[in-house]
N, C-alpha and C. Protein backbone atom coordinates (compact mmCIF):
# COMPACT_ATOMS: atom_id res chain seq x y z
N MET A 1 109.25 89.65 94.34
CA MET A 1 107.95 90.38 94.05
C MET A 1 107.33 91.25 95.21
N GLY A 2 107.53 90.60 96.46
CA GLY A 2 106.99 91.43 97.60
C GLY A 2 107.98 92.47 97.99
N ASP A 3 109.32 92.39 97.63
CA ASP A 3 110.18 93.46 97.81
C ASP A 3 110.01 94.59 96.85
N VAL A 4 109.62 94.41 95.61
CA VAL A 4 109.18 95.52 94.68
C VAL A 4 108.01 96.21 95.14
N ALA A 5 106.94 95.41 95.64
CA ALA A 5 105.61 96.03 96.33
C ALA A 5 105.90 96.85 97.35
N LEU A 6 106.99 96.63 98.27
CA LEU A 6 107.31 97.41 99.45
C LEU A 6 107.80 98.76 99.02
N LEU A 7 108.52 98.91 97.91
CA LEU A 7 108.93 100.11 97.33
C LEU A 7 107.64 101.01 97.19
N TYR A 8 106.69 100.53 96.64
CA TYR A 8 105.44 101.41 96.26
C TYR A 8 104.58 101.75 97.59
N VAL A 9 104.79 100.89 98.62
CA VAL A 9 104.07 101.17 99.86
C VAL A 9 104.72 102.40 100.43
N GLY A 10 106.04 102.53 100.22
CA GLY A 10 106.75 103.74 100.66
C GLY A 10 106.12 104.94 99.86
N ALA A 11 105.86 104.79 98.77
CA ALA A 11 105.41 106.02 97.78
C ALA A 11 103.92 106.16 98.38
N ALA A 12 103.06 105.37 98.71
CA ALA A 12 101.82 105.60 99.26
C ALA A 12 101.86 106.20 100.58
N LEU A 13 102.77 105.65 101.36
CA LEU A 13 102.74 106.30 102.75
C LEU A 13 103.19 107.76 102.67
N PHE A 14 104.27 108.10 101.75
CA PHE A 14 104.71 109.28 101.59
C PHE A 14 103.65 110.29 101.17
N LEU A 15 102.90 109.87 100.22
CA LEU A 15 101.88 110.69 99.51
C LEU A 15 100.73 110.98 100.54
N ASN A 16 100.40 109.97 101.29
CA ASN A 16 99.31 110.13 102.29
C ASN A 16 99.75 110.90 103.47
N GLY A 17 100.94 110.88 103.76
CA GLY A 17 101.38 111.88 104.83
C GLY A 17 101.53 113.24 104.26
N MET A 18 101.58 113.54 103.12
CA MET A 18 101.59 114.80 102.47
C MET A 18 100.17 115.38 102.47
N VAL A 19 99.22 114.40 102.35
CA VAL A 19 97.81 114.86 102.30
C VAL A 19 97.43 115.34 103.83
N LEU A 20 97.80 114.56 104.87
CA LEU A 20 97.56 115.02 106.15
C LEU A 20 98.32 116.25 106.50
N LEU A 21 99.48 116.65 105.76
CA LEU A 21 100.27 117.80 106.10
C LEU A 21 99.53 118.90 105.30
N GLY A 22 98.62 118.75 104.53
CA GLY A 22 98.02 119.74 103.67
C GLY A 22 98.85 120.14 102.48
N LYS A 23 99.81 119.26 101.98
CA LYS A 23 100.44 119.70 100.88
C LYS A 23 99.83 119.13 99.46
N VAL A 24 98.91 118.08 99.72
CA VAL A 24 98.25 117.43 98.60
C VAL A 24 96.74 117.36 98.83
N ASP A 25 96.00 117.64 97.90
CA ASP A 25 94.51 117.39 97.96
C ASP A 25 94.30 115.98 98.18
N ALA A 26 93.40 115.55 99.01
CA ALA A 26 93.01 114.25 99.26
C ALA A 26 92.61 113.44 98.14
N ARG A 27 91.79 114.03 97.35
CA ARG A 27 91.25 113.29 96.17
C ARG A 27 92.50 112.97 95.13
N ALA A 28 93.39 113.77 95.15
CA ALA A 28 94.59 113.46 94.28
C ALA A 28 95.54 112.28 94.70
N SER A 29 95.17 111.86 95.87
CA SER A 29 95.82 110.78 96.38
C SER A 29 95.10 109.33 95.87
N VAL A 30 93.92 109.44 95.45
CA VAL A 30 93.17 108.26 95.20
C VAL A 30 93.76 107.36 93.99
N PRO A 31 94.31 107.79 92.98
CA PRO A 31 94.89 106.92 91.96
C PRO A 31 95.96 105.98 92.50
N LEU A 32 97.01 106.58 93.29
CA LEU A 32 98.12 105.89 93.87
C LEU A 32 97.61 104.90 94.85
N ASN A 33 96.78 105.33 95.60
CA ASN A 33 96.10 104.44 96.66
C ASN A 33 95.46 103.18 95.98
N LEU A 34 94.83 103.36 94.94
CA LEU A 34 94.09 102.31 94.20
C LEU A 34 95.17 101.30 93.67
N PHE A 35 96.21 101.92 93.02
CA PHE A 35 97.25 101.14 92.43
C PHE A 35 98.00 100.32 93.42
N VAL A 36 98.41 100.97 94.44
CA VAL A 36 99.21 100.31 95.51
C VAL A 36 98.40 99.33 96.23
N GLY A 37 97.13 99.62 96.70
CA GLY A 37 96.34 98.76 97.34
C GLY A 37 95.92 97.56 96.35
N GLY A 38 95.81 97.81 95.12
CA GLY A 38 95.54 96.56 94.21
C GLY A 38 96.80 95.67 94.14
N LEU A 39 97.92 96.37 94.01
CA LEU A 39 99.27 95.55 94.07
C LEU A 39 99.43 94.79 95.34
N GLN A 40 98.95 95.32 96.42
CA GLN A 40 99.15 94.63 97.62
C GLN A 40 98.18 93.60 98.01
N VAL A 41 97.18 93.40 97.00
CA VAL A 41 96.34 92.32 97.08
C VAL A 41 96.68 91.22 96.08
N VAL A 42 96.99 91.62 94.78
CA VAL A 42 97.46 90.66 93.81
C VAL A 42 98.82 89.96 94.11
N THR A 43 99.67 90.66 94.83
CA THR A 43 101.06 90.22 95.15
C THR A 43 100.87 89.10 96.13
N PRO A 44 100.32 89.21 97.27
CA PRO A 44 100.31 88.07 98.21
C PRO A 44 99.43 86.94 97.70
N THR A 45 98.36 87.26 96.88
CA THR A 45 97.60 86.08 96.32
C THR A 45 98.44 85.23 95.39
N TYR A 46 99.32 85.92 94.56
CA TYR A 46 100.19 85.18 93.70
C TYR A 46 101.23 84.35 94.50
N LEU A 47 101.85 85.08 95.51
CA LEU A 47 102.91 84.47 96.34
C LEU A 47 102.30 83.26 97.19
N ILE A 48 101.05 83.24 97.67
CA ILE A 48 100.58 82.28 98.46
C ILE A 48 100.25 81.12 97.56
N ALA A 49 99.57 81.41 96.38
CA ALA A 49 99.25 80.37 95.30
C ALA A 49 100.48 79.55 94.76
N SER A 50 101.42 80.33 94.77
CA SER A 50 102.77 79.56 94.36
C SER A 50 103.71 79.05 95.31
N SER A 51 103.17 79.17 96.55
CA SER A 51 104.11 78.76 97.60
C SER A 51 104.27 77.38 97.89
N GLY A 52 103.26 76.40 97.27
CA GLY A 52 103.56 75.00 97.51
C GLY A 52 103.18 74.58 98.82
N GLY A 53 102.47 75.56 99.78
CA GLY A 53 102.09 75.25 101.04
C GLY A 53 103.22 75.36 101.91
N ASP A 54 104.24 76.12 101.51
CA ASP A 54 105.29 76.47 102.46
C ASP A 54 104.86 77.54 103.56
N ARG A 55 104.71 77.24 104.75
CA ARG A 55 104.27 77.96 105.73
C ARG A 55 105.04 79.24 105.88
N ASP A 56 106.24 79.38 105.80
CA ASP A 56 107.14 80.51 106.05
C ASP A 56 106.71 81.43 104.87
N LEU A 57 106.65 81.02 103.65
CA LEU A 57 106.24 81.84 102.56
C LEU A 57 104.88 82.49 102.70
N ILE A 58 103.87 81.66 103.08
CA ILE A 58 102.71 82.00 103.40
C ILE A 58 102.45 83.13 104.37
N LEU A 59 103.30 82.96 105.57
CA LEU A 59 103.43 83.97 106.67
C LEU A 59 103.98 85.23 106.06
N ALA A 60 104.99 85.10 105.32
CA ALA A 60 105.52 86.32 104.78
C ALA A 60 104.76 87.19 103.82
N ALA A 61 103.86 86.46 103.07
CA ALA A 61 102.95 87.05 102.20
C ALA A 61 101.65 87.62 102.83
N SER A 62 101.25 87.01 103.98
CA SER A 62 99.90 87.22 104.63
C SER A 62 99.81 88.75 105.03
N GLY A 63 100.90 89.31 105.50
CA GLY A 63 100.70 90.58 105.98
C GLY A 63 100.48 91.57 104.93
N LEU A 64 100.79 91.33 103.79
CA LEU A 64 100.49 92.39 102.68
C LEU A 64 99.08 92.70 102.46
N TYR A 65 98.15 91.73 102.80
CA TYR A 65 96.78 91.96 102.59
C TYR A 65 96.35 93.08 103.56
N LEU A 66 96.77 93.15 104.83
CA LEU A 66 96.47 94.13 105.77
C LEU A 66 96.58 95.58 105.19
N PHE A 67 97.61 95.79 104.45
CA PHE A 67 98.03 97.13 104.00
C PHE A 67 97.22 97.36 102.57
N GLY A 68 97.10 96.38 101.88
CA GLY A 68 96.53 96.38 100.55
C GLY A 68 95.12 96.76 100.79
N PHE A 69 94.34 96.18 101.69
CA PHE A 69 92.99 96.59 102.03
C PHE A 69 92.90 97.96 102.64
N THR A 70 93.91 98.42 103.41
CA THR A 70 93.89 99.74 103.95
C THR A 70 93.92 100.80 102.74
N TYR A 71 94.89 100.64 101.84
CA TYR A 71 95.00 101.63 100.72
C TYR A 71 93.78 101.67 99.93
N LEU A 72 93.05 100.39 99.74
CA LEU A 72 91.96 100.39 98.94
C LEU A 72 90.71 101.12 99.73
N TYR A 73 90.86 100.93 100.99
CA TYR A 73 89.71 101.52 101.87
C TYR A 73 89.87 103.03 101.88
N VAL A 74 91.07 103.53 101.84
CA VAL A 74 91.33 105.05 101.70
C VAL A 74 90.84 105.50 100.35
N ALA A 75 91.20 104.74 99.34
CA ALA A 75 90.75 105.43 98.05
C ALA A 75 89.35 105.31 97.77
N LEU A 76 88.64 104.16 98.15
CA LEU A 76 87.13 103.98 98.09
C LEU A 76 86.42 104.99 99.04
N GLY A 77 86.92 105.10 100.27
CA GLY A 77 86.35 106.07 101.16
C GLY A 77 86.36 107.52 100.67
N GLN A 78 87.36 107.77 99.82
CA GLN A 78 87.52 109.24 99.38
C GLN A 78 86.55 109.34 98.18
N LEU A 79 86.52 108.37 97.38
CA LEU A 79 85.58 108.53 96.15
C LEU A 79 84.08 108.43 96.64
N MET A 80 83.70 107.65 97.70
CA MET A 80 82.39 107.51 98.16
C MET A 80 82.09 108.54 99.24
N ARG A 81 83.00 109.29 99.61
CA ARG A 81 82.79 110.36 100.65
C ARG A 81 82.25 109.84 101.90
N LEU A 82 82.99 108.67 102.37
CA LEU A 82 82.78 108.04 103.53
C LEU A 82 83.45 108.76 104.83
N ASP A 83 82.85 108.68 106.09
CA ASP A 83 83.70 109.22 107.16
C ASP A 83 84.83 108.25 107.39
N GLY A 84 85.66 108.53 108.27
CA GLY A 84 86.91 107.74 108.49
C GLY A 84 86.75 106.74 109.61
N SER A 85 85.58 106.55 110.24
CA SER A 85 85.47 105.73 111.55
C SER A 85 85.65 104.29 111.05
N GLY A 86 85.17 103.74 110.06
CA GLY A 86 85.38 102.48 109.62
C GLY A 86 86.94 102.04 109.45
N LEU A 87 87.50 102.90 108.61
CA LEU A 87 89.02 102.81 108.46
C LEU A 87 89.77 102.84 109.73
N GLY A 88 89.27 103.79 110.65
CA GLY A 88 89.84 103.93 111.94
C GLY A 88 89.98 102.69 112.69
N TRP A 89 88.67 101.93 112.86
CA TRP A 89 88.77 100.78 113.63
C TRP A 89 89.37 99.68 112.94
N PHE A 90 89.39 99.66 111.63
CA PHE A 90 90.07 98.63 110.79
C PHE A 90 91.67 98.80 111.20
N SER A 91 92.02 100.09 111.33
CA SER A 91 93.50 100.33 111.47
C SER A 91 93.86 99.87 112.99
N LEU A 92 92.98 99.93 113.94
CA LEU A 92 93.32 99.31 115.10
C LEU A 92 93.64 97.79 115.04
N PHE A 93 92.77 97.18 114.21
CA PHE A 93 93.09 95.69 113.87
C PHE A 93 94.42 95.56 113.25
N VAL A 94 94.76 96.26 112.29
CA VAL A 94 96.05 96.23 111.62
C VAL A 94 97.17 96.43 112.60
N SER A 95 97.07 97.41 113.48
CA SER A 95 98.08 97.69 114.47
C SER A 95 98.34 96.59 115.34
N GLY A 96 97.28 95.84 115.85
CA GLY A 96 97.49 94.70 116.66
C GLY A 96 98.16 93.57 115.97
N CYS A 97 97.69 93.30 114.74
CA CYS A 97 98.31 92.30 113.84
C CYS A 97 99.80 92.59 113.64
N ALA A 98 100.16 93.86 113.44
CA ALA A 98 101.57 94.25 113.16
C ALA A 98 102.42 93.91 114.38
N VAL A 99 101.92 94.15 115.55
CA VAL A 99 102.65 93.77 116.83
C VAL A 99 102.97 92.20 116.84
N VAL A 100 102.09 91.40 116.19
CA VAL A 100 102.23 89.81 116.20
C VAL A 100 103.27 89.70 115.23
N TYR A 101 103.20 90.35 113.95
CA TYR A 101 104.29 90.08 112.87
C TYR A 101 105.63 90.50 113.39
N SER A 102 105.71 91.66 114.12
CA SER A 102 106.83 92.10 114.73
C SER A 102 107.59 91.03 115.60
N ALA A 103 106.76 90.40 116.55
CA ALA A 103 107.37 89.26 117.42
C ALA A 103 107.83 88.17 116.61
N LEU A 104 107.03 87.83 115.59
CA LEU A 104 107.42 86.69 114.64
C LEU A 104 108.82 86.91 113.96
N SER A 105 109.00 88.25 113.58
CA SER A 105 110.19 88.58 112.83
C SER A 105 111.37 88.48 113.70
N PHE A 106 111.26 88.76 115.08
CA PHE A 106 112.24 88.61 115.95
C PHE A 106 112.52 87.20 116.31
N VAL A 107 111.40 86.41 116.59
CA VAL A 107 111.48 85.05 117.13
C VAL A 107 111.61 84.01 116.01
N ARG A 108 110.74 84.01 115.12
CA ARG A 108 110.78 83.02 114.10
C ARG A 108 111.70 83.13 112.82
N THR A 109 111.78 84.42 112.34
CA THR A 109 112.56 84.49 111.15
C THR A 109 113.93 85.15 111.45
N GLY A 110 114.18 85.56 112.64
CA GLY A 110 115.39 86.07 113.03
C GLY A 110 115.82 87.43 112.20
N ASP A 111 114.89 88.26 112.01
CA ASP A 111 115.05 89.43 111.20
C ASP A 111 114.69 90.60 112.08
N PRO A 112 115.76 91.25 112.95
CA PRO A 112 115.35 92.29 113.86
C PRO A 112 114.96 93.58 113.24
N ALA A 113 115.50 93.78 111.99
CA ALA A 113 115.31 94.88 111.21
C ALA A 113 113.71 95.01 110.91
N PHE A 114 113.21 93.86 110.34
CA PHE A 114 111.85 93.81 110.15
C PHE A 114 110.93 93.87 111.18
N GLY A 115 111.43 93.22 112.39
CA GLY A 115 110.81 93.38 113.43
C GLY A 115 110.56 94.79 114.05
N MET A 116 111.65 95.58 113.80
CA MET A 116 111.38 97.06 114.18
C MET A 116 110.50 97.82 113.12
N ILE A 117 110.49 97.36 111.91
CA ILE A 117 109.62 97.97 110.99
C ILE A 117 108.15 97.60 111.27
N TRP A 118 107.91 96.38 111.62
CA TRP A 118 106.67 96.07 111.97
C TRP A 118 106.09 96.94 113.25
N LEU A 119 106.92 97.11 113.95
CA LEU A 119 106.63 97.90 115.36
C LEU A 119 106.26 99.17 115.01
N GLN A 120 106.95 99.91 114.01
CA GLN A 120 106.73 101.20 113.63
C GLN A 120 105.44 101.28 112.74
N TRP A 121 105.12 100.33 112.07
CA TRP A 121 103.83 100.17 111.38
C TRP A 121 102.78 100.13 112.32
N ALA A 122 102.91 99.27 113.38
CA ALA A 122 101.96 99.20 114.48
C ALA A 122 101.60 100.59 115.08
N PHE A 123 102.51 101.43 115.35
CA PHE A 123 102.60 102.68 115.87
C PHE A 123 101.77 103.66 114.94
N LEU A 124 102.08 103.65 113.75
CA LEU A 124 101.41 104.57 112.76
C LEU A 124 99.97 104.11 112.61
N TRP A 125 99.61 102.92 112.47
CA TRP A 125 98.24 102.49 112.31
C TRP A 125 97.46 102.78 113.65
N LEU A 126 98.18 102.73 114.75
CA LEU A 126 97.57 103.28 115.93
C LEU A 126 97.17 104.63 115.88
N LEU A 127 98.08 105.49 115.28
CA LEU A 127 97.74 106.89 115.12
C LEU A 127 96.56 107.04 114.25
N PHE A 128 96.51 106.29 113.14
CA PHE A 128 95.28 106.33 112.33
C PHE A 128 94.10 106.09 112.92
N PHE A 129 94.13 105.13 113.91
CA PHE A 129 92.93 104.78 114.85
C PHE A 129 92.55 105.94 115.55
N LEU A 130 93.57 106.56 116.13
CA LEU A 130 93.26 107.63 117.04
C LEU A 130 92.53 108.84 116.38
N THR A 131 93.15 109.15 115.17
CA THR A 131 92.74 110.26 114.42
C THR A 131 91.25 110.07 113.74
N LEU A 132 91.13 108.79 113.25
CA LEU A 132 90.01 108.51 112.41
C LEU A 132 88.72 108.01 113.32
N ALA A 133 89.05 107.00 114.31
CA ALA A 133 88.00 106.47 114.95
C ALA A 133 87.63 107.22 116.21
N LEU A 134 88.65 107.75 116.83
CA LEU A 134 88.46 108.50 118.08
C LEU A 134 88.33 110.03 117.86
N GLY A 135 88.72 110.57 116.62
CA GLY A 135 88.50 111.98 116.35
C GLY A 135 89.62 112.79 116.98
N LYS A 136 90.80 112.27 117.27
CA LYS A 136 91.87 112.98 117.72
C LYS A 136 92.62 113.76 116.75
N THR A 137 91.84 114.88 116.11
CA THR A 137 92.32 115.59 114.96
C THR A 137 93.56 116.47 115.28
N GLU A 138 93.69 116.69 116.53
CA GLU A 138 95.01 117.46 116.82
C GLU A 138 96.32 116.66 116.51
N LEU A 139 96.03 115.46 116.31
CA LEU A 139 97.25 114.55 115.95
C LEU A 139 97.40 114.41 114.42
N ASN A 140 96.66 115.04 113.67
CA ASN A 140 96.68 114.87 112.23
C ASN A 140 98.07 115.31 111.65
N ARG A 141 98.49 116.41 111.91
CA ARG A 141 99.81 116.99 111.50
C ARG A 141 100.87 116.09 111.86
N TYR A 142 100.87 115.64 113.17
CA TYR A 142 101.98 114.80 113.59
C TYR A 142 101.89 113.39 113.03
N THR A 143 100.71 112.91 112.81
CA THR A 143 100.50 111.54 112.05
C THR A 143 101.05 111.80 110.51
N GLY A 144 100.74 112.82 109.80
CA GLY A 144 101.23 113.01 108.59
C GLY A 144 102.80 113.04 108.58
N LEU A 145 103.42 113.55 109.50
CA LEU A 145 104.92 113.73 109.52
C LEU A 145 105.46 112.31 109.83
N VAL A 146 104.85 111.50 110.61
CA VAL A 146 105.16 110.06 110.94
C VAL A 146 105.05 109.28 109.61
N ALA A 147 103.94 109.42 108.95
CA ALA A 147 103.74 108.73 107.57
C ALA A 147 104.81 108.98 106.68
N VAL A 148 105.14 110.28 106.52
CA VAL A 148 106.21 110.68 105.55
C VAL A 148 107.53 109.96 105.97
N VAL A 149 107.88 109.94 107.34
CA VAL A 149 109.21 109.52 107.55
C VAL A 149 109.18 108.03 107.48
N GLN A 150 108.14 107.32 107.79
CA GLN A 150 107.96 105.94 107.67
C GLN A 150 108.03 105.50 106.18
N GLY A 151 107.47 106.37 105.36
CA GLY A 151 107.39 105.95 103.94
C GLY A 151 108.77 105.68 103.28
N ILE A 152 109.73 106.54 104.04
CA ILE A 152 111.08 106.38 103.55
C ILE A 152 111.89 105.36 104.41
N SER A 153 111.79 105.42 105.71
CA SER A 153 112.62 104.62 106.51
C SER A 153 112.14 103.13 106.65
N THR A 154 110.98 102.88 106.65
CA THR A 154 110.34 101.50 106.74
C THR A 154 110.00 100.78 105.47
N ALA A 155 110.08 101.70 104.42
CA ALA A 155 109.48 100.99 103.10
C ALA A 155 110.55 101.16 102.04
N ALA A 156 110.64 102.50 101.57
CA ALA A 156 111.57 102.77 100.26
C ALA A 156 112.91 102.30 100.55
N VAL A 157 113.70 102.63 101.69
CA VAL A 157 115.00 102.26 101.89
C VAL A 157 115.18 100.80 102.04
N PRO A 158 114.44 100.17 102.91
CA PRO A 158 114.57 98.56 102.96
C PRO A 158 114.17 97.91 101.56
N ALA A 159 113.34 98.40 100.96
CA ALA A 159 112.97 97.84 99.58
C ALA A 159 114.13 97.81 98.71
N LEU A 160 114.79 99.06 98.63
CA LEU A 160 115.88 99.17 97.66
C LEU A 160 117.17 98.26 98.03
N LEU A 161 117.28 98.05 99.46
CA LEU A 161 118.27 97.22 99.90
C LEU A 161 117.98 95.62 99.61
N LEU A 162 116.77 95.41 99.69
CA LEU A 162 116.21 93.92 99.30
C LEU A 162 116.36 93.65 97.89
N ILE A 163 115.95 94.65 97.11
CA ILE A 163 116.07 94.56 95.51
C ILE A 163 117.45 94.34 95.04
N THR A 164 118.44 95.14 95.67
CA THR A 164 119.74 95.13 95.20
C THR A 164 120.61 93.94 95.97
N GLY A 165 119.88 93.25 96.89
CA GLY A 165 120.71 92.14 97.41
C GLY A 165 121.49 92.46 98.66
N ARG A 166 121.32 93.57 99.21
CA ARG A 166 122.13 94.17 100.27
C ARG A 166 121.55 94.11 101.60
N TRP A 167 120.36 93.53 101.70
CA TRP A 167 119.54 93.55 103.03
C TRP A 167 120.28 92.86 104.11
N GLU A 168 120.81 91.60 103.86
CA GLU A 168 121.52 90.88 104.78
C GLU A 168 122.71 91.49 105.31
N GLN A 169 123.44 92.15 104.42
CA GLN A 169 124.65 92.89 104.85
C GLN A 169 124.42 93.97 105.71
N TYR A 170 123.29 94.73 105.58
CA TYR A 170 123.02 95.87 106.40
C TYR A 170 121.81 95.66 107.43
N GLN A 171 121.40 94.41 107.74
CA GLN A 171 120.24 94.15 108.47
C GLN A 171 120.48 94.75 109.96
N VAL A 172 121.59 94.42 110.57
CA VAL A 172 121.75 94.86 111.95
C VAL A 172 121.93 96.27 111.94
N PRO A 173 122.84 97.00 111.25
CA PRO A 173 122.79 98.46 111.26
C PRO A 173 121.33 99.02 110.99
N ALA A 174 120.60 98.49 110.10
CA ALA A 174 119.22 98.97 109.73
C ALA A 174 118.35 98.89 111.02
N ALA A 175 118.51 97.73 111.68
CA ALA A 175 117.64 97.54 112.82
C ALA A 175 117.98 98.65 113.93
N VAL A 176 119.21 99.02 114.10
CA VAL A 176 119.58 100.07 114.98
C VAL A 176 118.98 101.38 114.63
N VAL A 177 119.09 101.87 113.28
CA VAL A 177 118.71 103.08 112.79
C VAL A 177 117.26 103.08 112.99
N LEU A 178 116.50 102.03 112.57
CA LEU A 178 115.06 101.95 112.74
C LEU A 178 114.67 102.15 114.19
N ALA A 179 115.34 101.57 115.21
CA ALA A 179 115.02 101.75 116.41
C ALA A 179 115.15 103.20 116.85
N VAL A 180 116.18 103.93 116.49
CA VAL A 180 116.42 105.26 116.82
C VAL A 180 115.19 106.16 115.99
N VAL A 181 114.82 105.86 114.84
CA VAL A 181 113.88 106.55 114.19
C VAL A 181 112.57 106.42 114.82
N GLY A 182 112.32 105.20 115.21
CA GLY A 182 110.99 104.86 115.83
C GLY A 182 110.89 105.59 117.08
N ALA A 183 112.02 105.56 117.97
CA ALA A 183 111.99 106.31 119.27
C ALA A 183 111.65 107.70 119.14
N ALA A 184 112.34 108.46 118.04
CA ALA A 184 112.21 109.73 117.77
C ALA A 184 110.78 110.07 117.39
N CYS A 185 110.19 109.15 116.74
CA CYS A 185 108.75 109.40 116.28
C CYS A 185 107.72 109.34 117.52
N VAL A 186 108.05 108.36 118.36
CA VAL A 186 107.21 108.27 119.60
C VAL A 186 107.47 109.44 120.50
N ALA A 187 108.75 110.00 120.61
CA ALA A 187 109.01 111.05 121.44
C ALA A 187 108.30 112.28 121.04
N GLY A 188 107.78 112.38 119.72
CA GLY A 188 107.12 113.35 119.22
C GLY A 188 105.76 113.67 119.80
N LEU A 189 105.34 112.62 120.43
CA LEU A 189 103.98 112.69 121.07
C LEU A 189 104.15 113.44 122.66
N HIS A 190 105.31 113.63 122.95
CA HIS A 190 105.33 114.31 124.25
C HIS A 190 104.75 115.67 124.27
N PRO A 191 104.02 115.98 125.41
CA PRO A 191 103.20 117.20 125.36
C PRO A 191 103.99 118.45 125.13
N ALA A 192 105.39 118.44 125.43
CA ALA A 192 106.14 119.64 125.18
C ALA A 192 106.36 119.88 123.74
N LEU A 193 106.29 118.89 122.93
CA LEU A 193 106.49 118.94 121.51
C LEU A 193 105.22 118.94 120.73
N MET A 194 104.05 118.61 121.29
CA MET A 194 102.90 118.42 120.49
C MET A 194 102.29 119.75 119.95
N PRO A 195 102.43 120.99 120.71
CA PRO A 195 101.86 122.14 120.11
C PRO A 195 102.41 122.44 118.77
N ARG A 196 103.67 122.24 118.48
CA ARG A 196 103.92 122.50 117.03
C ARG A 196 103.27 121.63 115.97
N PHE A 197 102.81 120.43 116.29
CA PHE A 197 102.08 119.74 115.39
C PHE A 197 100.58 119.83 115.38
N ALA A 198 100.15 120.63 116.28
CA ALA A 198 98.65 120.70 116.56
C ALA A 198 98.05 121.96 115.86
N ARG A 199 98.91 122.73 115.02
CA ARG A 199 98.36 123.92 114.40
C ARG A 199 97.33 123.45 113.35
N PRO A 200 96.27 124.29 113.29
CA PRO A 200 95.30 123.85 112.29
C PRO A 200 95.67 124.00 110.90
N LEU A 201 95.23 123.07 110.12
CA LEU A 201 95.58 123.13 108.67
C LEU A 201 94.30 123.52 107.79
N SER A 202 94.35 124.65 107.22
CA SER A 202 93.27 124.99 106.48
C SER A 202 93.17 124.36 105.13
N GLY A 203 91.95 123.90 104.77
CA GLY A 203 91.76 123.41 103.51
C GLY A 203 92.03 121.95 103.39
N THR A 204 92.37 121.24 104.65
CA THR A 204 92.67 119.80 104.64
C THR A 204 91.62 119.06 105.48
N SER A 205 91.42 117.90 105.16
CA SER A 205 90.58 116.89 105.95
C SER A 205 91.23 116.42 107.08
N PRO A 206 90.48 116.06 108.22
CA PRO A 206 91.06 115.56 109.39
C PRO A 206 91.42 114.05 109.21
N ALA A 207 90.96 113.44 108.24
CA ALA A 207 91.11 112.07 108.21
C ALA A 207 91.75 111.53 106.91
N PRO A 208 92.59 110.52 106.84
CA PRO A 208 93.13 109.97 105.69
C PRO A 208 92.11 109.58 104.55
N THR A 209 90.87 109.28 104.83
CA THR A 209 89.97 108.87 103.81
C THR A 209 89.26 110.24 103.26
N ARG A 210 89.33 111.31 103.58
CA ARG A 210 88.59 112.46 102.99
C ARG A 210 89.48 113.51 102.42
N PRO A 211 93.18 111.01 103.76
CA PRO A 211 93.56 109.69 103.42
C PRO A 211 93.61 108.99 104.41
N ALA A 212 95.82 108.99 104.75
CA ALA A 212 96.89 108.20 104.87
C ALA A 212 96.54 106.85 105.34
N ALA A 213 96.09 106.27 105.86
CA ALA A 213 96.84 105.06 106.09
C ALA A 213 97.46 104.72 104.83
N ASP A 214 99.07 103.72 106.19
CA ASP A 214 99.71 103.42 105.17
C ASP A 214 99.42 103.77 105.10
N GLN A 215 97.08 105.03 103.93
CA GLN A 215 97.82 104.56 104.18
C GLN A 215 98.44 104.21 104.31
N GLY A 216 99.46 101.90 105.65
CA GLY A 216 99.62 101.25 105.80
C GLY A 216 100.46 100.77 105.96
N ALA A 217 100.93 101.19 105.17
CA ALA A 217 101.14 100.48 105.64
C ALA A 217 101.32 99.95 104.92
N PRO A 218 101.64 99.90 105.26
CA PRO A 218 102.48 99.41 105.20
C PRO A 218 101.91 98.50 104.74
N ALA A 219 103.08 97.19 104.58
CA ALA A 219 103.18 95.99 103.90
C ALA A 219 104.44 95.15 104.35
N ASP A 220 104.34 94.01 104.02
CA ASP A 220 105.49 93.08 104.35
C ASP A 220 106.34 92.86 103.15
N ARG A 221 107.42 91.94 103.46
CA ARG A 221 108.22 91.69 102.42
C ARG A 221 107.50 90.79 101.39
């Protein structure tokens, strides 16, 4: 169930990234953010309720709430015309939690690919914090590009591998590819590359809620 939810996390990240890139009106992203946010709240609730107290299952489901609340926050912020500061500071909390989930993926569950995925989500939500809470609007376009890339590389593709039962087979190659993609995204912050991402975008809002997060985000398995 969590694997299917991850596929739609990819769709939300992709769409919210397009909002930041000025390709989609922010209010047009509200329905998908509401749907995916609701899904990311209902899914972990069901998984935890049916886990029988299994700590590993509860751990795997718990991260979904972080991103479900993010997407709902994005949608409600847009509908209520809130500024992005609250979502920005919440995104910092999500980013810190994602680092912990990454470490647990490497050490506890032995899943290096999802360890890399969580690290990339931590980076993306840190960008949401910088743009929303600290007002670093020059990072909007760059953040949108990262969200689009991560929607595909950290959510849609892994979800399809999980759903088709091929994740274990491609787990190690996936970890390597994800590490390369993550490094390339971070490299985009280099001052020599930033000018191309800092061009003003007419008719777009500087914040994910007026979307992306994920956004969130992400989501767990």
